[in-house]
Amino acid sequence: MITIKASDSAVAFMAWHKKIVANYSDIKSIKLTRELVRGRRISYVERIRIRMEDGRDFWLSKPMDDIDLEKISERPEELKEKFDNSSFNELKTYIESRMPIC
C-alpha cells in the first residue's frame, strides 16, 4: 500500500514502511509512464519517477485497475480520458505546479 501526501512545500510517500519526503525545490524532474502488462490478466501499470537534484531517484507504480480493456476496444478515446484523469497524472501536475521554474 502506498500513501501519498502533498503539501505546499513537499510531497511525502509512505510505502513498505518507509517514508520519503521530497521538497519541490529539490526535484529535478518528474516523469510518468504507462505500460500494458500481461500477467494473470492484462492491465496497464502506471509508473512515476521523481529525480532529485542530488541524484536520488524515487519510483512508484500501481496498476490501473479501473481500465476495462473490452470497453477501450469499443471506445478507444476512453483510454486517453483514463490516462488524463489518473491519480498519478494529477499528482505529477500538482508537483510540477510547485516546482521552481529553472
N, C-alpha and C. Protein backbone atom coordinates (compact mmCIF):
# COMPACT_ATOMS: atom_id res chain seq x y z
N MET A 1 0.84 -1.18 0.00
CA MET A 1 0.00 0.00 0.00
C MET A 1 0.89 1.24 0.00
N ILE A 2 0.55 2.19 -0.85
CA ILE A 2 1.29 3.44 -0.96
C ILE A 2 0.38 4.57 -0.49
N THR A 3 0.92 5.42 0.38
CA THR A 3 0.21 6.60 0.82
C THR A 3 0.99 7.82 0.34
N ILE A 4 0.27 8.76 -0.26
CA ILE A 4 0.90 9.97 -0.77
C ILE A 4 0.23 11.18 -0.14
N LYS A 5 1.04 12.09 0.40
CA LYS A 5 0.52 13.33 0.97
C LYS A 5 1.32 14.48 0.39
N ALA A 6 0.63 15.40 -0.25
CA ALA A 6 1.29 16.55 -0.84
C ALA A 6 0.87 17.81 -0.10
N SER A 7 1.87 18.62 0.25
CA SER A 7 1.60 19.90 0.91
C SER A 7 2.06 21.02 -0.02
N ASP A 8 2.11 22.22 0.49
CA ASP A 8 2.55 23.35 -0.33
C ASP A 8 4.05 23.32 -0.62
N SER A 9 4.84 22.64 0.22
CA SER A 9 6.29 22.67 0.05
C SER A 9 6.94 21.32 -0.28
N ALA A 10 6.21 20.22 -0.05
CA ALA A 10 6.82 18.90 -0.25
C ALA A 10 5.75 17.84 -0.50
N VAL A 11 6.21 16.72 -1.02
CA VAL A 11 5.35 15.56 -1.19
C VAL A 11 5.99 14.42 -0.39
N ALA A 12 5.15 13.68 0.34
CA ALA A 12 5.64 12.57 1.16
C ALA A 12 5.02 11.28 0.67
N PHE A 13 5.84 10.25 0.57
CA PHE A 13 5.40 8.93 0.15
C PHE A 13 5.67 7.96 1.29
N MET A 14 4.70 7.16 1.61
CA MET A 14 4.88 6.11 2.61
C MET A 14 4.59 4.79 1.90
N ALA A 15 5.62 3.97 1.77
CA ALA A 15 5.46 2.68 1.10
C ALA A 15 6.37 1.67 1.77
N TRP A 16 5.86 0.49 2.00
CA TRP A 16 6.62 -0.60 2.58
C TRP A 16 7.30 -0.14 3.88
N HIS A 17 6.57 0.59 4.69
CA HIS A 17 7.03 1.07 6.00
C HIS A 17 8.23 2.01 5.90
N LYS A 18 8.37 2.64 4.76
CA LYS A 18 9.45 3.60 4.56
C LYS A 18 8.82 4.92 4.11
N LYS A 19 9.26 6.02 4.71
CA LYS A 19 8.74 7.34 4.36
C LYS A 19 9.80 8.12 3.61
N ILE A 20 9.39 8.70 2.50
CA ILE A 20 10.26 9.53 1.68
C ILE A 20 9.59 10.90 1.55
N VAL A 21 10.36 11.94 1.83
CA VAL A 21 9.84 13.30 1.68
C VAL A 21 10.69 14.01 0.63
N ALA A 22 10.02 14.59 -0.35
CA ALA A 22 10.72 15.32 -1.41
C ALA A 22 10.20 16.76 -1.44
N ASN A 23 11.09 17.69 -1.12
CA ASN A 23 10.74 19.10 -1.23
C ASN A 23 10.67 19.46 -2.71
N TYR A 24 9.67 20.21 -3.11
CA TYR A 24 9.51 20.57 -4.52
C TYR A 24 10.73 21.30 -5.05
N SER A 25 11.36 22.10 -4.22
CA SER A 25 12.54 22.86 -4.65
C SER A 25 13.74 21.95 -4.94
N ASP A 26 13.71 20.71 -4.46
CA ASP A 26 14.81 19.76 -4.67
C ASP A 26 14.54 18.77 -5.81
N ILE A 27 13.38 18.87 -6.44
CA ILE A 27 13.03 17.94 -7.52
C ILE A 27 13.58 18.47 -8.84
N LYS A 28 14.36 17.63 -9.50
CA LYS A 28 14.94 18.00 -10.80
C LYS A 28 13.97 17.70 -11.94
N SER A 29 13.32 16.53 -11.87
CA SER A 29 12.36 16.16 -12.92
C SER A 29 11.37 15.13 -12.40
N ILE A 30 10.27 15.04 -13.10
CA ILE A 30 9.25 14.04 -12.78
C ILE A 30 8.75 13.47 -14.10
N LYS A 31 8.64 12.17 -14.16
CA LYS A 31 8.23 11.51 -15.41
C LYS A 31 7.16 10.48 -15.09
N LEU A 32 6.16 10.43 -15.95
CA LEU A 32 5.06 9.48 -15.81
C LEU A 32 5.02 8.59 -17.04
N THR A 33 5.00 7.27 -16.82
CA THR A 33 4.91 6.32 -17.93
C THR A 33 3.80 5.32 -17.63
N ARG A 34 3.33 4.71 -18.68
CA ARG A 34 2.33 3.65 -18.56
C ARG A 34 2.74 2.50 -19.46
N GLU A 35 2.43 1.29 -19.00
CA GLU A 35 2.83 0.10 -19.74
C GLU A 35 1.71 -0.93 -19.65
N LEU A 36 1.45 -1.58 -20.77
CA LEU A 36 0.49 -2.68 -20.79
C LEU A 36 1.23 -3.94 -20.35
N VAL A 37 0.77 -4.54 -19.26
CA VAL A 37 1.45 -5.69 -18.66
C VAL A 37 0.57 -6.92 -18.81
N ARG A 38 1.20 -8.01 -19.22
CA ARG A 38 0.50 -9.28 -19.32
C ARG A 38 0.93 -10.18 -18.18
N GLY A 39 0.01 -10.52 -17.33
CA GLY A 39 0.28 -11.42 -16.21
C GLY A 39 -0.91 -12.35 -16.09
N ARG A 40 -1.41 -12.51 -14.86
CA ARG A 40 -2.64 -13.29 -14.70
C ARG A 40 -3.75 -12.68 -15.52
N ARG A 41 -3.68 -11.37 -15.66
CA ARG A 41 -4.60 -10.66 -16.53
C ARG A 41 -3.84 -9.53 -17.21
N ILE A 42 -4.38 -9.01 -18.26
CA ILE A 42 -3.74 -7.92 -18.98
C ILE A 42 -4.26 -6.61 -18.41
N SER A 43 -3.33 -5.73 -18.03
CA SER A 43 -3.74 -4.44 -17.48
C SER A 43 -2.63 -3.42 -17.67
N TYR A 44 -2.98 -2.17 -17.50
CA TYR A 44 -2.00 -1.09 -17.55
C TYR A 44 -1.41 -0.87 -16.16
N VAL A 45 -0.13 -0.53 -16.15
CA VAL A 45 0.55 -0.15 -14.91
C VAL A 45 1.10 1.25 -15.14
N GLU A 46 0.88 2.09 -14.15
CA GLU A 46 1.34 3.47 -14.21
C GLU A 46 2.56 3.60 -13.31
N ARG A 47 3.60 4.29 -13.81
CA ARG A 47 4.82 4.48 -13.02
C ARG A 47 5.18 5.96 -13.01
N ILE A 48 5.56 6.43 -11.84
CA ILE A 48 6.01 7.81 -11.72
C ILE A 48 7.43 7.77 -11.17
N ARG A 49 8.29 8.58 -11.78
CA ARG A 49 9.70 8.63 -11.37
C ARG A 49 10.03 10.07 -11.02
N ILE A 50 10.56 10.26 -9.83
CA ILE A 50 10.96 11.59 -9.38
C ILE A 50 12.48 11.57 -9.22
N ARG A 51 13.12 12.45 -9.95
CA ARG A 51 14.59 12.56 -9.86
C ARG A 51 14.90 13.83 -9.07
N MET A 52 15.73 13.65 -8.04
CA MET A 52 16.10 14.76 -7.18
C MET A 52 17.38 15.43 -7.66
N GLU A 53 17.57 16.67 -7.27
CA GLU A 53 18.77 17.43 -7.65
C GLU A 53 20.05 16.72 -7.19
N ASP A 54 19.98 16.00 -6.07
CA ASP A 54 21.17 15.31 -5.54
C ASP A 54 21.42 13.95 -6.20
N GLY A 55 20.62 13.61 -7.23
CA GLY A 55 20.84 12.37 -7.97
C GLY A 55 19.98 11.19 -7.53
N ARG A 56 19.30 11.31 -6.39
CA ARG A 56 18.43 10.21 -5.96
C ARG A 56 17.21 10.12 -6.88
N ASP A 57 16.73 8.90 -7.06
CA ASP A 57 15.52 8.64 -7.83
C ASP A 57 14.52 7.92 -6.95
N PHE A 58 13.26 8.28 -7.09
CA PHE A 58 12.18 7.59 -6.42
C PHE A 58 11.21 7.10 -7.48
N TRP A 59 10.80 5.83 -7.37
CA TRP A 59 9.87 5.22 -8.30
C TRP A 59 8.65 4.74 -7.54
N LEU A 60 7.49 4.98 -8.09
CA LEU A 60 6.25 4.42 -7.57
C LEU A 60 5.50 3.83 -8.75
N SER A 61 4.81 2.74 -8.53
CA SER A 61 3.99 2.17 -9.59
C SER A 61 2.72 1.60 -9.00
N LYS A 62 1.70 1.57 -9.84
CA LYS A 62 0.43 0.98 -9.41
C LYS A 62 -0.36 0.54 -10.63
N PRO A 63 -1.13 -0.51 -10.48
CA PRO A 63 -1.97 -0.95 -11.59
C PRO A 63 -3.13 0.02 -11.79
N MET A 64 -3.55 0.15 -13.03
CA MET A 64 -4.71 0.98 -13.36
C MET A 64 -5.91 0.04 -13.50
N ASP A 65 -6.40 -0.41 -12.37
CA ASP A 65 -7.45 -1.42 -12.34
C ASP A 65 -8.79 -0.94 -12.90
N ASP A 66 -8.96 0.36 -13.02
CA ASP A 66 -10.26 0.88 -13.47
C ASP A 66 -10.39 0.90 -15.00
N ILE A 67 -9.38 0.38 -15.72
CA ILE A 67 -9.45 0.35 -17.17
C ILE A 67 -9.98 -1.00 -17.63
N ASP A 68 -11.11 -0.96 -18.30
CA ASP A 68 -11.73 -2.16 -18.85
C ASP A 68 -11.31 -2.25 -20.32
N LEU A 69 -10.43 -3.19 -20.63
CA LEU A 69 -9.87 -3.29 -21.98
C LEU A 69 -10.92 -3.60 -23.03
N GLU A 70 -11.99 -4.29 -22.66
CA GLU A 70 -13.06 -4.55 -23.62
C GLU A 70 -13.78 -3.25 -24.00
N LYS A 71 -14.03 -2.41 -23.02
CA LYS A 71 -14.66 -1.11 -23.29
C LYS A 71 -13.74 -0.23 -24.12
N ILE A 72 -12.45 -0.30 -23.85
CA ILE A 72 -11.48 0.51 -24.59
C ILE A 72 -11.48 0.11 -26.06
N SER A 73 -11.62 -1.17 -26.35
CA SER A 73 -11.63 -1.60 -27.75
C SER A 73 -12.86 -1.06 -28.48
N GLU A 74 -13.96 -0.86 -27.75
CA GLU A 74 -15.17 -0.31 -28.34
C GLU A 74 -15.13 1.22 -28.40
N ARG A 75 -14.42 1.83 -27.45
CA ARG A 75 -14.37 3.30 -27.35
C ARG A 75 -12.94 3.72 -26.98
N PRO A 76 -12.02 3.72 -27.96
CA PRO A 76 -10.61 3.99 -27.68
C PRO A 76 -10.32 5.33 -27.00
N GLU A 77 -11.15 6.33 -27.24
CA GLU A 77 -10.91 7.65 -26.61
C GLU A 77 -11.02 7.60 -25.09
N GLU A 78 -11.67 6.55 -24.57
CA GLU A 78 -11.79 6.41 -23.12
C GLU A 78 -10.43 6.17 -22.47
N LEU A 79 -9.51 5.54 -23.20
CA LEU A 79 -8.18 5.28 -22.65
C LEU A 79 -7.47 6.60 -22.36
N LYS A 80 -7.52 7.56 -23.30
CA LYS A 80 -6.91 8.87 -23.06
C LYS A 80 -7.56 9.55 -21.87
N GLU A 81 -8.87 9.45 -21.73
CA GLU A 81 -9.57 10.05 -20.59
C GLU A 81 -9.08 9.43 -19.28
N LYS A 82 -8.92 8.11 -19.25
CA LYS A 82 -8.44 7.43 -18.05
C LYS A 82 -7.02 7.88 -17.70
N PHE A 83 -6.17 7.98 -18.73
CA PHE A 83 -4.80 8.43 -18.52
C PHE A 83 -4.78 9.87 -18.00
N ASP A 84 -5.55 10.74 -18.63
CA ASP A 84 -5.57 12.16 -18.25
C ASP A 84 -6.10 12.38 -16.84
N ASN A 85 -6.99 11.51 -16.38
CA ASN A 85 -7.62 11.68 -15.07
C ASN A 85 -7.08 10.75 -13.99
N SER A 86 -5.97 10.08 -14.26
CA SER A 86 -5.42 9.14 -13.28
C SER A 86 -4.84 9.89 -12.08
N SER A 87 -4.78 9.21 -10.97
CA SER A 87 -4.25 9.84 -9.75
C SER A 87 -2.78 10.21 -9.90
N PHE A 88 -1.98 9.39 -10.59
CA PHE A 88 -0.57 9.73 -10.79
C PHE A 88 -0.41 10.93 -11.72
N ASN A 89 -1.28 11.05 -12.73
CA ASN A 89 -1.21 12.20 -13.61
C ASN A 89 -1.56 13.47 -12.83
N GLU A 90 -2.56 13.39 -11.98
CA GLU A 90 -2.93 14.54 -11.15
C GLU A 90 -1.79 14.89 -10.18
N LEU A 91 -1.14 13.88 -9.61
CA LEU A 91 -0.01 14.12 -8.72
C LEU A 91 1.13 14.80 -9.48
N LYS A 92 1.45 14.31 -10.65
CA LYS A 92 2.51 14.90 -11.47
C LYS A 92 2.21 16.37 -11.76
N THR A 93 1.00 16.66 -12.17
CA THR A 93 0.60 18.04 -12.46
C THR A 93 0.73 18.91 -11.22
N TYR A 94 0.30 18.40 -10.07
CA TYR A 94 0.37 19.14 -8.81
C TYR A 94 1.83 19.44 -8.46
N ILE A 95 2.69 18.43 -8.55
CA ILE A 95 4.11 18.63 -8.21
C ILE A 95 4.75 19.62 -9.17
N GLU A 96 4.49 19.47 -10.46
CA GLU A 96 5.08 20.38 -11.45
C GLU A 96 4.67 21.83 -11.21
N SER A 97 3.44 22.02 -10.74
CA SER A 97 2.99 23.39 -10.50
C SER A 97 3.69 24.03 -9.28
N ARG A 98 4.33 23.21 -8.47
CA ARG A 98 5.03 23.71 -7.28
C ARG A 98 6.55 23.68 -7.39
N MET A 99 7.04 23.08 -8.47
CA MET A 99 8.50 23.06 -8.69
C MET A 99 8.95 24.44 -9.14
N PRO A 100 10.15 24.84 -8.71
CA PRO A 100 10.65 26.13 -9.17
C PRO A 100 10.92 26.12 -10.68
N ILE A 101 10.68 27.23 -11.33
CA ILE A 101 10.95 27.33 -12.76
C ILE A 101 12.42 27.63 -12.94
N CYS A 102 13.09 26.81 -13.73
CA CYS A 102 14.54 27.00 -13.93
C CYS A 102 14.81 27.85 -15.14
